[in-house]
């Protein structure tokens, strides 16, 4: 069903004009994909023009254990603020909060997300959130794909010279998922 939707063959409400069902308005502009983590946040800038996608930048913010949690949050916020100011994305795509069994892990992940998203919000950039399952479906076509499958599929789809590290490929997958599934109101 998801593959049919991405191909423009959704089984949703029918339009009077059959061409309207098959044509999806492509996303045009830059997207900042964010895979937030306290010590290894991934970021990627994806340019979308004329139904093509190009990676403009990707990086991982690696923070050592000796850096305090509070300082990590500040650096995450600063990194996102810098990327938004530098690349001027129209949208930010971030991973939705996922269920974790450990309360402390959930708290740390939530704090990292908050630090990242607050920088975008303060600059007026709309934030869109996607579940990991949806990102994998959009990129690989299979919701239970491994990180390796996502990274290698992205490298192949976007003609990257090499497979990106997981933090960066996750961020790029979020950006591409947004580009492939976003619809204007």
C-alpha atoms as a PDB file:
ATOM      1  CA  UNK A   1       0.000   0.000   0.000  1.00  0.00           C
ATOM      2  CA  UNK A   2       2.794   2.447   0.911  1.00  0.00           C
ATOM      3  CA  UNK A   3       4.661   1.730  -2.321  1.00  0.00           C
ATOM      4  CA  UNK A   4       1.442   2.413  -4.289  1.00  0.00           C
ATOM      5  CA  UNK A   5       1.003   5.692  -2.406  1.00  0.00           C
ATOM      6  CA  UNK A   6       4.558   6.823  -3.200  1.00  0.00           C
ATOM      7  CA  UNK A   7       4.051   5.895  -6.837  1.00  0.00           C
ATOM      8  CA  UNK A   8       0.933   8.111  -6.956  1.00  0.00           C
ATOM      9  CA  UNK A   9      -1.454   5.161  -6.997  1.00  0.00           C
ATOM     10  CA  UNK A  10      -3.036   5.781  -3.599  1.00  0.00           C
ATOM     11  CA  UNK A  11      -6.361   4.181  -2.849  1.00  0.00           C
ATOM     12  CA  UNK A  12      -7.521   7.371  -1.092  1.00  0.00           C
ATOM     13  CA  UNK A  13     -10.362   9.644  -2.222  1.00  0.00           C
ATOM     14  CA  UNK A  14     -10.710   9.848  -5.993  1.00  0.00           C
ATOM     15  CA  UNK A  15     -10.544  13.148  -7.871  1.00  0.00           C
ATOM     16  CA  UNK A  16     -12.785  13.961 -10.830  1.00  0.00           C
ATOM     17  CA  UNK A  17      -9.651  14.365 -12.951  1.00  0.00           C
ATOM     18  CA  UNK A  18      -7.728  11.038 -13.059  1.00  0.00           C
ATOM     19  CA  UNK A  19      -4.455  12.913 -13.761  1.00  0.00           C
ATOM     20  CA  UNK A  20      -4.749  14.657 -10.371  1.00  0.00           C
ATOM     21  CA  UNK A  21      -4.447  11.283  -8.630  1.00  0.00           C
ATOM     22  CA  UNK A  22      -1.238  10.379 -10.426  1.00  0.00           C
ATOM     23  CA  UNK A  23       0.606  13.676 -10.132  1.00  0.00           C
ATOM     24  CA  UNK A  24       2.129  14.650  -6.823  1.00  0.00           C
ATOM     25  CA  UNK A  25       3.380  18.162  -6.336  1.00  0.00           C
ATOM     26  CA  UNK A  26       7.122  17.655  -5.889  1.00  0.00           C
ATOM     27  CA  UNK A  27       8.840  19.310  -2.974  1.00  0.00           C
ATOM     28  CA  UNK A  28      11.038  22.207  -4.099  1.00  0.00           C
ATOM     29  CA  UNK A  29      13.709  23.663  -1.824  1.00  0.00           C
ATOM     30  CA  UNK A  30      16.099  22.636   0.902  1.00  0.00           C
ATOM     31  CA  UNK A  31      15.388  20.324   3.808  1.00  0.00           C
ATOM     32  CA  UNK A  32      17.468  19.938   6.953  1.00  0.00           C
ATOM     33  CA  UNK A  33      17.242  16.347   8.183  1.00  0.00           C
ATOM     34  CA  UNK A  34      18.060  15.832  11.855  1.00  0.00           C
ATOM     35  CA  UNK A  35      18.787  12.561  13.649  1.00  0.00           C
ATOM     36  CA  UNK A  36      19.125  13.854  17.225  1.00  0.00           C
ATOM     37  CA  UNK A  37      21.264  12.158  19.828  1.00  0.00           C
ATOM     38  CA  UNK A  38      23.066  13.551  22.851  1.00  0.00           C
ATOM     39  CA  UNK A  39      26.541  12.504  21.736  1.00  0.00           C
ATOM     40  CA  UNK A  40      26.167  11.766  18.003  1.00  0.00           C
ATOM     41  CA  UNK A  41      23.568  13.895  16.215  1.00  0.00           C
ATOM     42  CA  UNK A  42      23.385  13.523  12.457  1.00  0.00           C
ATOM     43  CA  UNK A  43      22.536  16.384  10.109  1.00  0.00           C
ATOM     44  CA  UNK A  44      21.976  16.495   6.343  1.00  0.00           C
ATOM     45  CA  UNK A  45      20.963  19.203   3.887  1.00  0.00           C
ATOM     46  CA  UNK A  46      19.017  17.943   0.865  1.00  0.00           C
ATOM     47  CA  UNK A  47      18.301  20.163  -2.153  1.00  0.00           C
ATOM     48  CA  UNK A  48      15.149  19.276  -4.107  1.00  0.00           C
ATOM     49  CA  UNK A  49      14.690  20.780  -7.587  1.00  0.00           C
ATOM     50  CA  UNK A  50      12.834  19.559 -10.674  1.00  0.00           C
ATOM     51  CA  UNK A  51      12.098  16.149  -9.154  1.00  0.00           C
ATOM     52  CA  UNK A  52      15.771  15.528  -8.418  1.00  0.00           C
ATOM     53  CA  UNK A  53      17.562  15.426  -5.079  1.00  0.00           C
ATOM     54  CA  UNK A  54      21.098  16.454  -4.235  1.00  0.00           C
ATOM     55  CA  UNK A  55      22.975  16.194  -0.952  1.00  0.00           C
ATOM     56  CA  UNK A  56      24.558  19.558  -0.208  1.00  0.00           C
ATOM     57  CA  UNK A  57      26.024  18.781   3.214  1.00  0.00           C
ATOM     58  CA  UNK A  58      26.082  16.133   5.927  1.00  0.00           C
ATOM     59  CA  UNK A  59      27.837  15.924   9.263  1.00  0.00           C
ATOM     60  CA  UNK A  60      27.797  14.230  12.632  1.00  0.00           C
ATOM     61  CA  UNK A  61      28.141  16.253  15.805  1.00  0.00           C
ATOM     62  CA  UNK A  62      30.248  13.937  17.970  1.00  0.00           C
ATOM     63  CA  UNK A  63      30.544  14.907  21.634  1.00  0.00           C
ATOM     64  CA  UNK A  64      32.849  13.070  24.028  1.00  0.00           C
ATOM     65  CA  UNK A  65      31.664  11.620  27.351  1.00  0.00           C
ATOM     66  CA  UNK A  66      33.667  14.243  29.258  1.00  0.00           C
ATOM     67  CA  UNK A  67      31.366  16.975  27.824  1.00  0.00           C
ATOM     68  CA  UNK A  68      28.487  17.562  30.256  1.00  0.00           C
ATOM     69  CA  UNK A  69      24.923  16.791  29.170  1.00  0.00           C
ATOM     70  CA  UNK A  70      23.937  20.445  29.442  1.00  0.00           C
ATOM     71  CA  UNK A  71      26.874  21.520  27.273  1.00  0.00           C
ATOM     72  CA  UNK A  72      25.923  18.839  24.722  1.00  0.00           C
ATOM     73  CA  UNK A  73      22.408  20.282  24.487  1.00  0.00           C
ATOM     74  CA  UNK A  74      23.830  23.759  23.930  1.00  0.00           C
ATOM     75  CA  UNK A  75      26.113  22.493  21.158  1.00  0.00           C
ATOM     76  CA  UNK A  76      23.246  20.647  19.464  1.00  0.00           C
ATOM     77  CA  UNK A  77      21.182  23.841  19.513  1.00  0.00           C
ATOM     78  CA  UNK A  78      24.136  25.868  18.169  1.00  0.00           C
ATOM     79  CA  UNK A  79      24.777  23.354  15.371  1.00  0.00           C
ATOM     80  CA  UNK A  80      21.185  23.399  14.168  1.00  0.00           C
ATOM     81  CA  UNK A  81      21.048  27.201  14.424  1.00  0.00           C
ATOM     82  CA  UNK A  82      24.250  27.444  12.362  1.00  0.00           C
ATOM     83  CA  UNK A  83      22.975  25.023   9.694  1.00  0.00           C
ATOM     84  CA  UNK A  84      19.634  26.832   9.409  1.00  0.00           C
ATOM     85  CA  UNK A  85      21.356  30.224   9.144  1.00  0.00           C
ATOM     86  CA  UNK A  86      23.912  28.935   6.614  1.00  0.00           C
ATOM     87  CA  UNK A  87      21.763  26.746   4.327  1.00  0.00           C
ATOM     88  CA  UNK A  88      18.331  28.408   4.755  1.00  0.00           C
ATOM     89  CA  UNK A  89      16.191  25.240   4.588  1.00  0.00           C
ATOM     90  CA  UNK A  90      12.462  25.678   4.005  1.00  0.00           C
ATOM     91  CA  UNK A  91      11.643  22.720   6.267  1.00  0.00           C
ATOM     92  CA  UNK A  92      13.238  20.603   8.969  1.00  0.00           C
ATOM     93  CA  UNK A  93      12.595  16.858   9.093  1.00  0.00           C
ATOM     94  CA  UNK A  94      13.249  15.072  12.383  1.00  0.00           C
ATOM     95  CA  UNK A  95      12.714  11.627  13.810  1.00  0.00           C
ATOM     96  CA  UNK A  96       9.564  11.299  15.911  1.00  0.00           C
ATOM     97  CA  UNK A  97       9.941  10.349  19.517  1.00  0.00           C
ATOM     98  CA  UNK A  98      10.283   6.600  19.608  1.00  0.00           C
ATOM     99  CA  UNK A  99       9.281   4.233  22.368  1.00  0.00           C
ATOM    100  CA  UNK A 100      12.136   3.142  24.584  1.00  0.00           C
ATOM    101  CA  UNK A 101      11.850   0.982  27.672  1.00  0.00           C
ATOM    102  CA  UNK A 102      14.485   2.856  29.654  1.00  0.00           C
ATOM    103  CA  UNK A 103      13.204   6.118  31.168  1.00  0.00           C
ATOM    104  CA  UNK A 104      16.660   7.693  31.364  1.00  0.00           C
ATOM    105  CA  UNK A 105      17.306   6.984  27.675  1.00  0.00           C
ATOM    106  CA  UNK A 106      13.934   8.479  26.753  1.00  0.00           C
ATOM    107  CA  UNK A 107      14.712  11.577  28.795  1.00  0.00           C
ATOM    108  CA  UNK A 108      18.125  12.039  27.141  1.00  0.00           C
ATOM    109  CA  UNK A 109      16.690  11.507  23.640  1.00  0.00           C
ATOM    110  CA  UNK A 110      13.872  13.958  24.329  1.00  0.00           C
ATOM    111  CA  UNK A 111      16.315  16.574  25.567  1.00  0.00           C
ATOM    112  CA  UNK A 112      18.475  16.226  22.433  1.00  0.00           C
ATOM    113  CA  UNK A 113      15.385  16.539  20.209  1.00  0.00           C
ATOM    114  CA  UNK A 114      14.256  19.606  22.118  1.00  0.00           C
ATOM    115  CA  UNK A 115      17.633  21.296  21.779  1.00  0.00           C
ATOM    116  CA  UNK A 116      17.689  20.649  18.028  1.00  0.00           C
ATOM    117  CA  UNK A 117      14.086  21.573  17.286  1.00  0.00           C
ATOM    118  CA  UNK A 118      14.084  24.711  19.415  1.00  0.00           C
ATOM    119  CA  UNK A 119      16.775  26.199  17.146  1.00  0.00           C
ATOM    120  CA  UNK A 120      14.574  25.630  14.079  1.00  0.00           C
ATOM    121  CA  UNK A 121      11.454  26.883  15.860  1.00  0.00           C
ATOM    122  CA  UNK A 122      13.162  30.093  16.991  1.00  0.00           C
ATOM    123  CA  UNK A 123      14.051  30.779  13.350  1.00  0.00           C
ATOM    124  CA  UNK A 124      10.522  30.107  12.115  1.00  0.00           C
ATOM    125  CA  UNK A 125      11.402  27.002  10.102  1.00  0.00           C
ATOM    126  CA  UNK A 126       8.534  24.461  10.073  1.00  0.00           C
ATOM    127  CA  UNK A 127       9.406  21.094  11.607  1.00  0.00           C
ATOM    128  CA  UNK A 128       7.966  17.810  10.341  1.00  0.00           C
ATOM    129  CA  UNK A 129       8.388  14.586  12.276  1.00  0.00           C
ATOM    130  CA  UNK A 130       8.510  11.052  10.893  1.00  0.00           C
ATOM    131  CA  UNK A 131       8.537   7.659  12.549  1.00  0.00           C
ATOM    132  CA  UNK A 132      11.584   5.490  11.741  1.00  0.00           C
ATOM    133  CA  UNK A 133       9.256   2.920  10.126  1.00  0.00           C
ATOM    134  CA  UNK A 134       7.896   5.533   7.721  1.00  0.00           C
ATOM    135  CA  UNK A 135      11.387   6.744   6.787  1.00  0.00           C
ATOM    136  CA  UNK A 136      12.503   3.186   6.008  1.00  0.00           C
ATOM    137  CA  UNK A 137       9.360   2.599   3.941  1.00  0.00           C
ATOM    138  CA  UNK A 138       9.929   5.772   1.929  1.00  0.00           C
ATOM    139  CA  UNK A 139      13.641   5.160   1.332  1.00  0.00           C
ATOM    140  CA  UNK A 140      13.963   1.370   1.089  1.00  0.00           C
ATOM    141  CA  UNK A 141      10.341   0.294   0.613  1.00  0.00           C
ATOM    142  CA  UNK A 142      10.476  -1.919   3.718  1.00  0.00           C
ATOM    143  CA  UNK A 143       9.700  -0.623   7.213  1.00  0.00           C
ATOM    144  CA  UNK A 144      11.969  -3.086   8.989  1.00  0.00           C
ATOM    145  CA  UNK A 145      15.054  -2.330   6.884  1.00  0.00           C
ATOM    146  CA  UNK A 146      18.394  -2.243   8.671  1.00  0.00           C
ATOM    147  CA  UNK A 147      20.537   0.869   9.072  1.00  0.00           C
ATOM    148  CA  UNK A 148      22.956  -0.699   6.586  1.00  0.00           C
ATOM    149  CA  UNK A 149      20.182  -1.098   3.999  1.00  0.00           C
ATOM    150  CA  UNK A 150      19.028   2.502   4.466  1.00  0.00           C
ATOM    151  CA  UNK A 151      22.569   3.886   4.181  1.00  0.00           C
ATOM    152  CA  UNK A 152      23.444   1.877   1.063  1.00  0.00           C
ATOM    153  CA  UNK A 153      20.087   2.626  -0.617  1.00  0.00           C
ATOM    154  CA  UNK A 154      20.574   6.352  -0.009  1.00  0.00           C
ATOM    155  CA  UNK A 155      24.115   6.214  -1.416  1.00  0.00           C
ATOM    156  CA  UNK A 156      22.825   4.486  -4.530  1.00  0.00           C
ATOM    157  CA  UNK A 157      19.700   6.664  -4.991  1.00  0.00           C
ATOM    158  CA  UNK A 158      21.563   9.936  -4.542  1.00  0.00           C
ATOM    159  CA  UNK A 159      24.783   8.895  -6.349  1.00  0.00           C
ATOM    160  CA  UNK A 160      26.959   9.470  -3.303  1.00  0.00           C
ATOM    161  CA  UNK A 161      30.657   8.612  -3.653  1.00  0.00           C
ATOM    162  CA  UNK A 162      30.455   6.478  -0.506  1.00  0.00           C
ATOM    163  CA  UNK A 163      27.980   5.255   2.082  1.00  0.00           C
ATOM    164  CA  UNK A 164      27.468   7.825   4.841  1.00  0.00           C
ATOM    165  CA  UNK A 165      27.910   7.026   8.549  1.00  0.00           C
ATOM    166  CA  UNK A 166      24.632   5.951  10.183  1.00  0.00           C
ATOM    167  CA  UNK A 167      23.929   9.253  11.975  1.00  0.00           C
ATOM    168  CA  UNK A 168      24.254  11.142   8.699  1.00  0.00           C
ATOM    169  CA  UNK A 169      22.376   8.573   6.613  1.00  0.00           C
ATOM    170  CA  UNK A 170      19.530   8.583   9.149  1.00  0.00           C
ATOM    171  CA  UNK A 171      19.342  12.387   8.877  1.00  0.00           C
ATOM    172  CA  UNK A 172      19.467  12.184   5.083  1.00  0.00           C
ATOM    173  CA  UNK A 173      16.760   9.501   5.118  1.00  0.00           C
ATOM    174  CA  UNK A 174      14.540  11.821   7.151  1.00  0.00           C
ATOM    175  CA  UNK A 175      15.081  14.641   4.656  1.00  0.00           C
ATOM    176  CA  UNK A 176      14.384  12.378   1.669  1.00  0.00           C
ATOM    177  CA  UNK A 177      11.299  10.905   3.347  1.00  0.00           C
ATOM    178  CA  UNK A 178       9.957  14.437   3.734  1.00  0.00           C
ATOM    179  CA  UNK A 179      10.734  15.273   0.108  1.00  0.00           C
ATOM    180  CA  UNK A 180       8.973  12.133  -1.154  1.00  0.00           C
ATOM    181  CA  UNK A 181       5.881  12.272   1.059  1.00  0.00           C
ATOM    182  CA  UNK A 182       5.179  15.955   1.814  1.00  0.00           C
ATOM    183  CA  UNK A 183       2.085  17.484   0.258  1.00  0.00           C
ATOM    184  CA  UNK A 184       1.211  21.187   0.286  1.00  0.00           C
ATOM    185  CA  UNK A 185      -2.081  22.062   1.962  1.00  0.00           C
END
